Amino acid sequence: MTELDAMSPNPLTPKRVGTAHTYKGFTLVELMITLAIAAILATLAVPSFNQVMLGSKLNSMANSFVGSAQLARSEAIKRNDEVTLCASSNGSTCSGTWKDGWVVRAGGAAIHAQGPLPNLFDLSGNVTSIAFQPTGMGATCTALTLKNTKDSSQQRVLTISATGRPKVEKTSAFSCS
């Protein structure tokens, strides 16, 4: 080994071992195999990631509805008056479907409005209006289903019990009795 080889900072500089030269680094074949394995793993992970994203979106929308139901219930207790959570297409009156959005109404005025759901999502149920009594009890026992219209593998069932408590479930088994 010469002095020049020992002082060379480049790791790809050949090291002299007898008369043969050895190089540090990866060959083109090793690099291509690594890239092929990475591509295969990525194609396996993408569908799972899409399901995680769908679940996250459903949870976010369900939590928004539950928040509105909790607001309506607490406002009914605070005001000592009936408060209504209803489907609303314009954000101020009770009209339209749950997919169009919803509004919390108290004393003839809207106190909270939620806009429409994103495209490809649907919220439907057996009622379009939920009333909360001054005691916080729900006058309307209901179950609403939130789902993606293209991929119904995941859905959330939003329930308001007779006691007025909102809840989110991943199953559709619910009874108002």
N, C-alpha and C. Protein backbone atom coordinates (compact mmCIF):
# COMPACT_ATOMS: atom_id res chain seq x y z
N MET A 1 0.85 -1.16 0.00
CA MET A 1 0.00 0.00 0.00
C MET A 1 0.90 1.23 0.00
N THR A 2 0.62 2.13 -0.88
CA THR A 2 1.45 3.33 -0.97
C THR A 2 0.91 4.39 -0.03
N GLU A 3 1.73 5.40 0.20
CA GLU A 3 1.29 6.50 1.06
C GLU A 3 0.09 7.20 0.46
N LEU A 4 0.06 7.32 -0.84
CA LEU A 4 -1.03 8.00 -1.52
C LEU A 4 -2.35 7.26 -1.30
N ASP A 5 -2.34 5.91 -1.34
CA ASP A 5 -3.55 5.12 -1.11
C ASP A 5 -4.02 5.25 0.33
N ALA A 6 -3.16 5.30 1.26
CA ALA A 6 -3.53 5.38 2.67
C ALA A 6 -4.15 6.73 3.00
N MET A 7 -3.77 7.78 2.30
CA MET A 7 -4.29 9.11 2.60
C MET A 7 -5.52 9.45 1.76
N SER A 8 -5.93 8.62 0.86
CA SER A 8 -7.06 8.91 -0.02
C SER A 8 -8.37 8.88 0.78
N PRO A 9 -9.15 9.99 0.78
CA PRO A 9 -10.40 10.03 1.53
C PRO A 9 -11.55 9.33 0.80
N ASN A 10 -11.40 9.03 -0.45
CA ASN A 10 -12.47 8.44 -1.24
C ASN A 10 -12.60 6.94 -0.91
N PRO A 11 -13.77 6.50 -0.42
CA PRO A 11 -13.93 5.09 -0.05
C PRO A 11 -14.02 4.19 -1.28
N LEU A 12 -14.24 4.73 -2.45
CA LEU A 12 -14.33 3.90 -3.65
C LEU A 12 -12.97 3.72 -4.31
N THR A 13 -11.96 4.32 -3.75
CA THR A 13 -10.62 4.14 -4.28
C THR A 13 -10.21 2.69 -4.07
N PRO A 14 -9.69 2.05 -5.10
CA PRO A 14 -9.33 0.64 -4.94
C PRO A 14 -8.24 0.47 -3.89
N LYS A 15 -8.40 -0.56 -3.11
CA LYS A 15 -7.38 -0.91 -2.12
C LYS A 15 -6.51 -1.99 -2.76
N ARG A 16 -5.27 -1.84 -2.63
CA ARG A 16 -4.36 -2.80 -3.23
C ARG A 16 -4.09 -3.94 -2.26
N VAL A 17 -4.52 -5.10 -2.68
CA VAL A 17 -4.23 -6.31 -1.93
C VAL A 17 -3.49 -7.21 -2.89
N GLY A 18 -2.25 -7.26 -2.74
CA GLY A 18 -1.45 -8.00 -3.71
C GLY A 18 -1.60 -7.32 -5.06
N THR A 19 -2.10 -8.05 -6.05
CA THR A 19 -2.28 -7.45 -7.37
C THR A 19 -3.75 -7.20 -7.70
N ALA A 20 -4.69 -7.77 -6.91
CA ALA A 20 -6.12 -7.59 -7.18
C ALA A 20 -6.62 -6.30 -6.54
N HIS A 21 -7.66 -5.71 -7.13
CA HIS A 21 -8.27 -4.49 -6.60
C HIS A 21 -9.65 -4.85 -6.07
N THR A 22 -10.02 -4.35 -4.86
CA THR A 22 -11.36 -4.54 -4.31
C THR A 22 -12.01 -3.17 -4.19
N TYR A 23 -13.32 -3.12 -4.46
CA TYR A 23 -14.07 -1.87 -4.41
C TYR A 23 -15.14 -1.98 -3.34
N LYS A 24 -15.41 -0.85 -2.67
CA LYS A 24 -16.50 -0.78 -1.71
C LYS A 24 -17.70 -0.16 -2.42
N GLY A 25 -18.90 -0.63 -2.10
CA GLY A 25 -20.10 -0.08 -2.72
C GLY A 25 -21.04 -1.19 -3.16
N PHE A 26 -22.12 -0.80 -3.88
CA PHE A 26 -23.12 -1.75 -4.34
C PHE A 26 -22.99 -1.95 -5.84
N THR A 27 -23.30 -3.13 -6.27
CA THR A 27 -23.31 -3.39 -7.71
C THR A 27 -24.68 -2.99 -8.25
N LEU A 28 -24.77 -2.87 -9.54
CA LEU A 28 -26.03 -2.50 -10.18
C LEU A 28 -27.10 -3.58 -9.95
N VAL A 29 -26.71 -4.83 -9.95
CA VAL A 29 -27.65 -5.93 -9.72
C VAL A 29 -28.22 -5.85 -8.30
N GLU A 30 -27.38 -5.59 -7.30
CA GLU A 30 -27.85 -5.47 -5.92
C GLU A 30 -28.83 -4.30 -5.78
N LEU A 31 -28.53 -3.21 -6.41
CA LEU A 31 -29.40 -2.05 -6.36
C LEU A 31 -30.75 -2.34 -7.01
N MET A 32 -30.78 -3.02 -8.15
CA MET A 32 -32.03 -3.34 -8.84
C MET A 32 -32.88 -4.31 -8.03
N ILE A 33 -32.25 -5.28 -7.39
CA ILE A 33 -33.00 -6.23 -6.55
C ILE A 33 -33.62 -5.50 -5.36
N THR A 34 -32.88 -4.60 -4.75
CA THR A 34 -33.40 -3.82 -3.63
C THR A 34 -34.59 -2.96 -4.06
N LEU A 35 -34.49 -2.32 -5.21
CA LEU A 35 -35.60 -1.50 -5.71
C LEU A 35 -36.82 -2.36 -6.04
N ALA A 36 -36.61 -3.55 -6.59
CA ALA A 36 -37.73 -4.44 -6.91
C ALA A 36 -38.45 -4.88 -5.63
N ILE A 37 -37.72 -5.21 -4.60
CA ILE A 37 -38.33 -5.62 -3.33
C ILE A 37 -39.08 -4.45 -2.72
N ALA A 38 -38.52 -3.26 -2.77
CA ALA A 38 -39.20 -2.07 -2.24
C ALA A 38 -40.50 -1.81 -3.00
N ALA A 39 -40.50 -1.99 -4.31
CA ALA A 39 -41.71 -1.77 -5.11
C ALA A 39 -42.79 -2.79 -4.76
N ILE A 40 -42.42 -4.03 -4.55
CA ILE A 40 -43.38 -5.07 -4.18
C ILE A 40 -43.99 -4.76 -2.82
N LEU A 41 -43.18 -4.37 -1.86
CA LEU A 41 -43.69 -4.02 -0.53
C LEU A 41 -44.61 -2.81 -0.58
N ALA A 42 -44.29 -1.84 -1.42
CA ALA A 42 -45.14 -0.65 -1.54
C ALA A 42 -46.50 -1.01 -2.13
N THR A 43 -46.55 -1.89 -3.11
CA THR A 43 -47.84 -2.27 -3.69
C THR A 43 -48.69 -3.07 -2.70
N LEU A 44 -48.06 -3.76 -1.78
CA LEU A 44 -48.82 -4.47 -0.75
C LEU A 44 -49.34 -3.52 0.32
N ALA A 45 -48.64 -2.44 0.57
CA ALA A 45 -49.01 -1.53 1.65
C ALA A 45 -50.07 -0.52 1.24
N VAL A 46 -50.16 -0.15 -0.03
CA VAL A 46 -51.08 0.90 -0.46
C VAL A 46 -52.55 0.57 -0.17
N PRO A 47 -53.06 -0.63 -0.49
CA PRO A 47 -54.46 -0.90 -0.16
C PRO A 47 -54.75 -0.81 1.34
N SER A 48 -53.85 -1.27 2.16
CA SER A 48 -54.04 -1.17 3.61
C SER A 48 -54.06 0.29 4.04
N PHE A 49 -53.22 1.10 3.45
CA PHE A 49 -53.19 2.52 3.78
C PHE A 49 -54.50 3.19 3.39
N ASN A 50 -55.08 2.80 2.25
CA ASN A 50 -56.36 3.37 1.83
C ASN A 50 -57.46 3.03 2.83
N GLN A 51 -57.46 1.82 3.37
CA GLN A 51 -58.45 1.44 4.37
C GLN A 51 -58.27 2.23 5.66
N VAL A 52 -57.05 2.49 6.04
CA VAL A 52 -56.77 3.29 7.23
C VAL A 52 -57.27 4.72 7.02
N MET A 53 -57.04 5.27 5.84
CA MET A 53 -57.51 6.62 5.53
C MET A 53 -59.03 6.70 5.54
N LEU A 54 -59.71 5.69 4.99
CA LEU A 54 -61.16 5.67 4.98
C LEU A 54 -61.70 5.61 6.41
N GLY A 55 -61.10 4.75 7.24
CA GLY A 55 -61.51 4.66 8.64
C GLY A 55 -61.32 5.97 9.38
N SER A 56 -60.23 6.65 9.09
CA SER A 56 -59.96 7.94 9.73
C SER A 56 -60.98 8.99 9.32
N LYS A 57 -61.33 9.03 8.05
CA LYS A 57 -62.33 9.99 7.58
C LYS A 57 -63.70 9.70 8.19
N LEU A 58 -64.07 8.42 8.24
CA LEU A 58 -65.36 8.06 8.85
C LEU A 58 -65.39 8.45 10.32
N ASN A 59 -64.30 8.19 11.04
CA ASN A 59 -64.23 8.56 12.46
C ASN A 59 -64.36 10.07 12.63
N SER A 60 -63.70 10.83 11.79
CA SER A 60 -63.74 12.29 11.88
C SER A 60 -65.16 12.81 11.67
N MET A 61 -65.84 12.31 10.64
CA MET A 61 -67.21 12.76 10.37
C MET A 61 -68.17 12.31 11.46
N ALA A 62 -67.99 11.09 11.96
CA ALA A 62 -68.84 10.59 13.04
C ALA A 62 -68.64 11.42 14.30
N ASN A 63 -67.41 11.75 14.61
CA ASN A 63 -67.13 12.57 15.80
C ASN A 63 -67.71 13.97 15.67
N SER A 64 -67.76 14.49 14.46
CA SER A 64 -68.37 15.80 14.24
C SER A 64 -69.87 15.74 14.56
N PHE A 65 -70.54 14.66 14.13
CA PHE A 65 -71.96 14.51 14.42
C PHE A 65 -72.18 14.33 15.92
N VAL A 66 -71.36 13.50 16.55
CA VAL A 66 -71.50 13.28 17.99
C VAL A 66 -71.28 14.58 18.76
N GLY A 67 -70.33 15.39 18.32
CA GLY A 67 -70.10 16.69 18.95
C GLY A 67 -71.32 17.59 18.86
N SER A 68 -71.98 17.58 17.70
CA SER A 68 -73.20 18.37 17.54
C SER A 68 -74.32 17.85 18.44
N ALA A 69 -74.42 16.52 18.56
CA ALA A 69 -75.45 15.94 19.44
C ALA A 69 -75.17 16.28 20.90
N GLN A 70 -73.91 16.25 21.30
CA GLN A 70 -73.57 16.61 22.68
C GLN A 70 -73.83 18.10 22.94
N LEU A 71 -73.57 18.93 21.93
CA LEU A 71 -73.87 20.35 22.07
C LEU A 71 -75.37 20.56 22.25
N ALA A 72 -76.17 19.89 21.42
CA ALA A 72 -77.63 20.03 21.52
C ALA A 72 -78.13 19.58 22.89
N ARG A 73 -77.60 18.49 23.38
CA ARG A 73 -78.01 17.97 24.69
C ARG A 73 -77.64 18.94 25.81
N SER A 74 -76.40 19.43 25.78
CA SER A 74 -75.97 20.35 26.84
C SER A 74 -76.70 21.69 26.76
N GLU A 75 -77.01 22.15 25.55
CA GLU A 75 -77.78 23.40 25.41
C GLU A 75 -79.20 23.23 25.94
N ALA A 76 -79.78 22.04 25.74
CA ALA A 76 -81.13 21.79 26.27
C ALA A 76 -81.11 21.86 27.79
N ILE A 77 -80.09 21.32 28.41
CA ILE A 77 -79.97 21.36 29.87
C ILE A 77 -79.72 22.79 30.34
N LYS A 78 -78.80 23.48 29.67
CA LYS A 78 -78.43 24.84 30.05
C LYS A 78 -79.60 25.82 29.91
N ARG A 79 -80.32 25.73 28.82
CA ARG A 79 -81.43 26.65 28.55
C ARG A 79 -82.74 26.24 29.22
N ASN A 80 -82.76 24.99 29.71
CA ASN A 80 -83.98 24.44 30.29
C ASN A 80 -85.13 24.53 29.28
N ASP A 81 -84.80 24.14 28.04
CA ASP A 81 -85.76 24.19 26.94
C ASP A 81 -85.38 23.11 25.92
N GLU A 82 -86.31 22.73 25.11
CA GLU A 82 -86.05 21.72 24.08
C GLU A 82 -85.12 22.28 23.01
N VAL A 83 -84.13 21.48 22.62
CA VAL A 83 -83.20 21.83 21.55
C VAL A 83 -83.24 20.72 20.52
N THR A 84 -83.20 21.10 19.25
CA THR A 84 -83.34 20.14 18.16
C THR A 84 -82.07 20.07 17.33
N LEU A 85 -81.67 18.86 17.01
CA LEU A 85 -80.60 18.59 16.05
C LEU A 85 -81.30 18.01 14.83
N CYS A 86 -81.18 18.68 13.69
CA CYS A 86 -81.92 18.20 12.52
C CYS A 86 -81.10 18.34 11.25
N ALA A 87 -81.48 17.54 10.25
CA ALA A 87 -80.86 17.62 8.93
C ALA A 87 -81.18 18.98 8.32
N SER A 88 -80.19 19.58 7.65
CA SER A 88 -80.39 20.91 7.09
C SER A 88 -79.56 21.08 5.82
N SER A 89 -80.23 21.52 4.78
CA SER A 89 -79.50 21.77 3.53
C SER A 89 -79.00 23.20 3.44
N ASN A 90 -79.54 24.10 4.28
CA ASN A 90 -79.12 25.51 4.20
C ASN A 90 -78.42 26.01 5.47
N GLY A 91 -78.30 25.19 6.50
CA GLY A 91 -77.59 25.59 7.71
C GLY A 91 -78.38 26.43 8.68
N SER A 92 -79.68 26.66 8.41
CA SER A 92 -80.47 27.46 9.34
C SER A 92 -81.84 26.86 9.65
N THR A 93 -82.42 26.12 8.71
CA THR A 93 -83.73 25.51 8.94
C THR A 93 -83.62 24.00 8.85
N CYS A 94 -84.63 23.33 9.36
CA CYS A 94 -84.67 21.87 9.31
C CYS A 94 -85.27 21.43 7.98
N SER A 95 -84.42 21.19 7.02
CA SER A 95 -84.84 20.74 5.70
C SER A 95 -83.70 19.99 5.05
N GLY A 96 -84.00 19.03 4.20
CA GLY A 96 -82.97 18.29 3.51
C GLY A 96 -82.68 16.96 4.18
N THR A 97 -81.52 16.42 3.87
CA THR A 97 -81.10 15.12 4.42
C THR A 97 -79.85 15.31 5.25
N TRP A 98 -79.49 14.29 6.02
CA TRP A 98 -78.29 14.35 6.87
C TRP A 98 -77.04 14.56 6.03
N LYS A 99 -77.02 14.01 4.82
CA LYS A 99 -75.87 14.17 3.93
C LYS A 99 -75.63 15.63 3.58
N ASP A 100 -76.71 16.42 3.55
CA ASP A 100 -76.62 17.85 3.21
C ASP A 100 -76.05 18.69 4.35
N GLY A 101 -75.98 18.12 5.54
CA GLY A 101 -75.50 18.83 6.72
C GLY A 101 -76.55 18.81 7.81
N TRP A 102 -76.25 19.45 8.93
CA TRP A 102 -77.20 19.49 10.03
C TRP A 102 -77.04 20.78 10.81
N VAL A 103 -78.06 21.05 11.62
CA VAL A 103 -78.08 22.29 12.39
C VAL A 103 -78.62 22.00 13.79
N VAL A 104 -78.10 22.70 14.79
CA VAL A 104 -78.62 22.63 16.15
C VAL A 104 -79.46 23.90 16.34
N ARG A 105 -80.73 23.72 16.65
CA ARG A 105 -81.66 24.85 16.79
C ARG A 105 -82.20 24.91 18.22
N ALA A 106 -82.21 26.12 18.76
CA ALA A 106 -82.75 26.36 20.10
C ALA A 106 -83.48 27.69 20.10
N GLY A 107 -84.69 27.69 20.64
CA GLY A 107 -85.44 28.93 20.72
C GLY A 107 -85.72 29.56 19.37
N GLY A 108 -85.88 28.76 18.34
CA GLY A 108 -86.17 29.29 17.00
C GLY A 108 -84.98 29.78 16.23
N ALA A 109 -83.78 29.66 16.78
CA ALA A 109 -82.58 30.14 16.09
C ALA A 109 -81.55 29.02 15.98
N ALA A 110 -80.76 29.08 14.94
CA ALA A 110 -79.67 28.12 14.76
C ALA A 110 -78.49 28.54 15.62
N ILE A 111 -77.98 27.61 16.44
CA ILE A 111 -76.83 27.94 17.29
C ILE A 111 -75.55 27.25 16.80
N HIS A 112 -75.71 26.25 15.93
CA HIS A 112 -74.54 25.57 15.35
C HIS A 112 -74.97 24.91 14.05
N ALA A 113 -74.14 25.03 13.03
CA ALA A 113 -74.44 24.40 11.74
C ALA A 113 -73.23 23.64 11.24
N GLN A 114 -73.48 22.52 10.62
CA GLN A 114 -72.44 21.70 10.01
C GLN A 114 -72.76 21.59 8.53
N GLY A 115 -71.78 21.84 7.70
CA GLY A 115 -71.97 21.79 6.25
C GLY A 115 -72.15 20.37 5.74
N PRO A 116 -72.31 20.24 4.43
CA PRO A 116 -72.55 18.93 3.84
C PRO A 116 -71.34 18.01 3.96
N LEU A 117 -71.61 16.71 3.89
CA LEU A 117 -70.54 15.72 3.91
C LEU A 117 -69.78 15.76 2.59
N PRO A 118 -68.53 15.34 2.58
CA PRO A 118 -67.79 15.29 1.33
C PRO A 118 -68.44 14.32 0.34
N ASN A 119 -68.13 14.49 -0.92
CA ASN A 119 -68.63 13.57 -1.94
C ASN A 119 -68.25 12.14 -1.58
N LEU A 120 -69.05 11.21 -2.00
CA LEU A 120 -68.87 9.76 -1.79
C LEU A 120 -69.17 9.31 -0.37
N PHE A 121 -69.65 10.20 0.50
CA PHE A 121 -70.03 9.80 1.85
C PHE A 121 -71.52 10.05 2.04
N ASP A 122 -72.16 9.18 2.80
CA ASP A 122 -73.59 9.28 3.02
C ASP A 122 -73.91 9.05 4.49
N LEU A 123 -74.84 9.85 5.00
CA LEU A 123 -75.35 9.70 6.36
C LEU A 123 -76.86 9.61 6.25
N SER A 124 -77.41 8.50 6.66
CA SER A 124 -78.86 8.30 6.54
C SER A 124 -79.38 7.57 7.77
N GLY A 125 -80.68 7.73 8.00
CA GLY A 125 -81.28 7.08 9.15
C GLY A 125 -82.78 7.12 9.09
N ASN A 126 -83.39 6.74 10.21
CA ASN A 126 -84.84 6.61 10.27
C ASN A 126 -85.54 7.93 10.64
N VAL A 127 -84.83 8.98 10.97
CA VAL A 127 -85.42 10.28 11.30
C VAL A 127 -84.57 11.39 10.68
N THR A 128 -85.13 12.58 10.56
CA THR A 128 -84.37 13.75 10.10
C THR A 128 -84.28 14.82 11.18
N SER A 129 -84.83 14.53 12.36
CA SER A 129 -84.79 15.49 13.46
C SER A 129 -84.69 14.74 14.79
N ILE A 130 -83.84 15.25 15.68
CA ILE A 130 -83.64 14.65 17.00
C ILE A 130 -83.85 15.75 18.04
N ALA A 131 -84.81 15.54 18.92
CA ALA A 131 -85.13 16.55 19.94
C ALA A 131 -84.54 16.13 21.28
N PHE A 132 -83.95 17.10 21.98
CA PHE A 132 -83.41 16.89 23.32
C PHE A 132 -84.25 17.69 24.31
N GLN A 133 -84.71 17.03 25.36
CA GLN A 133 -85.56 17.64 26.38
C GLN A 133 -84.72 18.46 27.36
N PRO A 134 -85.34 19.34 28.13
CA PRO A 134 -84.60 20.16 29.12
C PRO A 134 -83.84 19.33 30.14
N THR A 135 -84.21 18.08 30.33
CA THR A 135 -83.49 17.21 31.26
C THR A 135 -82.27 16.58 30.60
N GLY A 136 -82.11 16.78 29.29
CA GLY A 136 -81.01 16.17 28.56
C GLY A 136 -81.40 14.84 27.93
N MET A 137 -82.59 14.37 28.25
CA MET A 137 -83.07 13.10 27.68
C MET A 137 -83.38 13.32 26.20
N GLY A 138 -83.14 12.27 25.41
CA GLY A 138 -83.48 12.35 23.99
C GLY A 138 -84.92 11.94 23.78
N ALA A 139 -85.70 12.82 23.19
CA ALA A 139 -87.09 12.48 22.91
C ALA A 139 -87.17 11.53 21.72
N THR A 140 -86.10 11.45 20.97
CA THR A 140 -86.07 10.63 19.77
C THR A 140 -84.92 9.64 19.86
N CYS A 141 -85.23 8.38 19.91
CA CYS A 141 -84.20 7.33 19.87
C CYS A 141 -83.94 7.03 18.40
N THR A 142 -82.69 7.09 18.00
CA THR A 142 -82.41 6.93 16.57
C THR A 142 -81.06 6.28 16.32
N ALA A 143 -80.92 5.79 15.10
CA ALA A 143 -79.65 5.24 14.62
C ALA A 143 -79.43 5.74 13.20
N LEU A 144 -78.28 6.34 12.96
CA LEU A 144 -77.90 6.83 11.64
C LEU A 144 -76.68 6.05 11.17
N THR A 145 -76.61 5.80 9.87
CA THR A 145 -75.50 5.05 9.31
C THR A 145 -74.66 5.97 8.44
N LEU A 146 -73.36 6.02 8.74
CA LEU A 146 -72.40 6.81 7.97
C LEU A 146 -71.54 5.83 7.19
N LYS A 147 -71.46 6.03 5.87
CA LYS A 147 -70.67 5.11 5.05
C LYS A 147 -70.15 5.80 3.81
N ASN A 148 -69.19 5.17 3.18
CA ASN A 148 -68.66 5.60 1.90
C ASN A 148 -69.49 4.90 0.83
N THR A 149 -69.97 5.65 -0.14
CA THR A 149 -70.86 5.06 -1.14
C THR A 149 -70.12 4.14 -2.12
N LYS A 150 -68.82 4.29 -2.27
CA LYS A 150 -68.06 3.42 -3.18
C LYS A 150 -67.47 2.20 -2.48
N ASP A 151 -67.18 2.33 -1.19
CA ASP A 151 -66.55 1.25 -0.44
C ASP A 151 -67.29 1.10 0.89
N SER A 152 -68.22 0.16 0.92
CA SER A 152 -69.02 -0.01 2.14
C SER A 152 -68.41 -1.04 3.09
N SER A 153 -67.12 -1.33 2.94
CA SER A 153 -66.47 -2.29 3.83
C SER A 153 -66.38 -1.76 5.25
N GLN A 154 -66.40 -0.44 5.40
CA GLN A 154 -66.38 0.16 6.73
C GLN A 154 -67.56 1.12 6.82
N GLN A 155 -68.20 1.11 7.96
CA GLN A 155 -69.26 2.08 8.22
C GLN A 155 -69.33 2.35 9.71
N ARG A 156 -69.96 3.46 10.04
CA ARG A 156 -70.15 3.83 11.44
C ARG A 156 -71.64 4.00 11.68
N VAL A 157 -72.11 3.49 12.79
CA VAL A 157 -73.50 3.66 13.18
C VAL A 157 -73.52 4.64 14.34
N LEU A 158 -74.20 5.76 14.12
CA LEU A 158 -74.31 6.82 15.12
C LEU A 158 -75.65 6.66 15.80
N THR A 159 -75.62 6.44 17.10
CA THR A 159 -76.87 6.20 17.82
C THR A 159 -77.09 7.28 18.87
N ILE A 160 -78.36 7.63 19.04
CA ILE A 160 -78.77 8.50 20.13
C ILE A 160 -79.74 7.67 20.95
N SER A 161 -79.39 7.36 22.16
CA SER A 161 -80.23 6.50 22.99
C SER A 161 -81.40 7.30 23.55
N ALA A 162 -82.31 6.60 24.18
CA ALA A 162 -83.48 7.25 24.79
C ALA A 162 -83.06 8.19 25.92
N THR A 163 -81.88 7.97 26.49
CA THR A 163 -81.38 8.87 27.53
C THR A 163 -80.68 10.09 26.94
N GLY A 164 -80.54 10.14 25.62
CA GLY A 164 -79.93 11.29 24.97
C GLY A 164 -78.44 11.18 24.74
N ARG A 165 -77.88 10.03 25.04
CA ARG A 165 -76.43 9.86 24.87
C ARG A 165 -76.08 9.44 23.46
N PRO A 166 -75.20 10.21 22.80
CA PRO A 166 -74.75 9.81 21.46
C PRO A 166 -73.59 8.82 21.56
N LYS A 167 -73.52 7.93 20.58
CA LYS A 167 -72.46 6.92 20.58
C LYS A 167 -72.15 6.53 19.14
N VAL A 168 -70.91 6.17 18.89
CA VAL A 168 -70.47 5.70 17.58
C VAL A 168 -70.08 4.24 17.72
N GLU A 169 -70.60 3.41 16.79
CA GLU A 169 -70.25 1.99 16.77
C GLU A 169 -69.82 1.59 15.37
N LYS A 170 -68.98 0.57 15.28
CA LYS A 170 -68.58 0.05 13.99
C LYS A 170 -69.56 -1.00 13.47
N THR A 171 -70.49 -1.44 14.29
CA THR A 171 -71.46 -2.45 13.88
C THR A 171 -72.80 -1.79 13.68
N SER A 172 -73.71 -2.50 13.04
CA SER A 172 -75.02 -1.91 12.79
C SER A 172 -76.09 -2.50 13.72
N ALA A 173 -75.67 -3.25 14.72
CA ALA A 173 -76.64 -3.84 15.66
C ALA A 173 -77.02 -2.82 16.72
N PHE A 174 -78.22 -2.28 16.63
CA PHE A 174 -78.71 -1.31 17.61
C PHE A 174 -80.21 -1.42 17.69
N SER A 175 -80.71 -1.32 18.89
CA SER A 175 -82.15 -1.37 19.10
C SER A 175 -82.54 -0.21 20.00
N CYS A 176 -83.62 0.45 19.65
CA CYS A 176 -84.08 1.59 20.45
C CYS A 176 -84.90 1.15 21.66
N SER A 177 -85.10 -0.13 21.85
CA SER A 177 -85.93 -0.60 22.98
C SER A 177 -85.13 -0.64 24.26
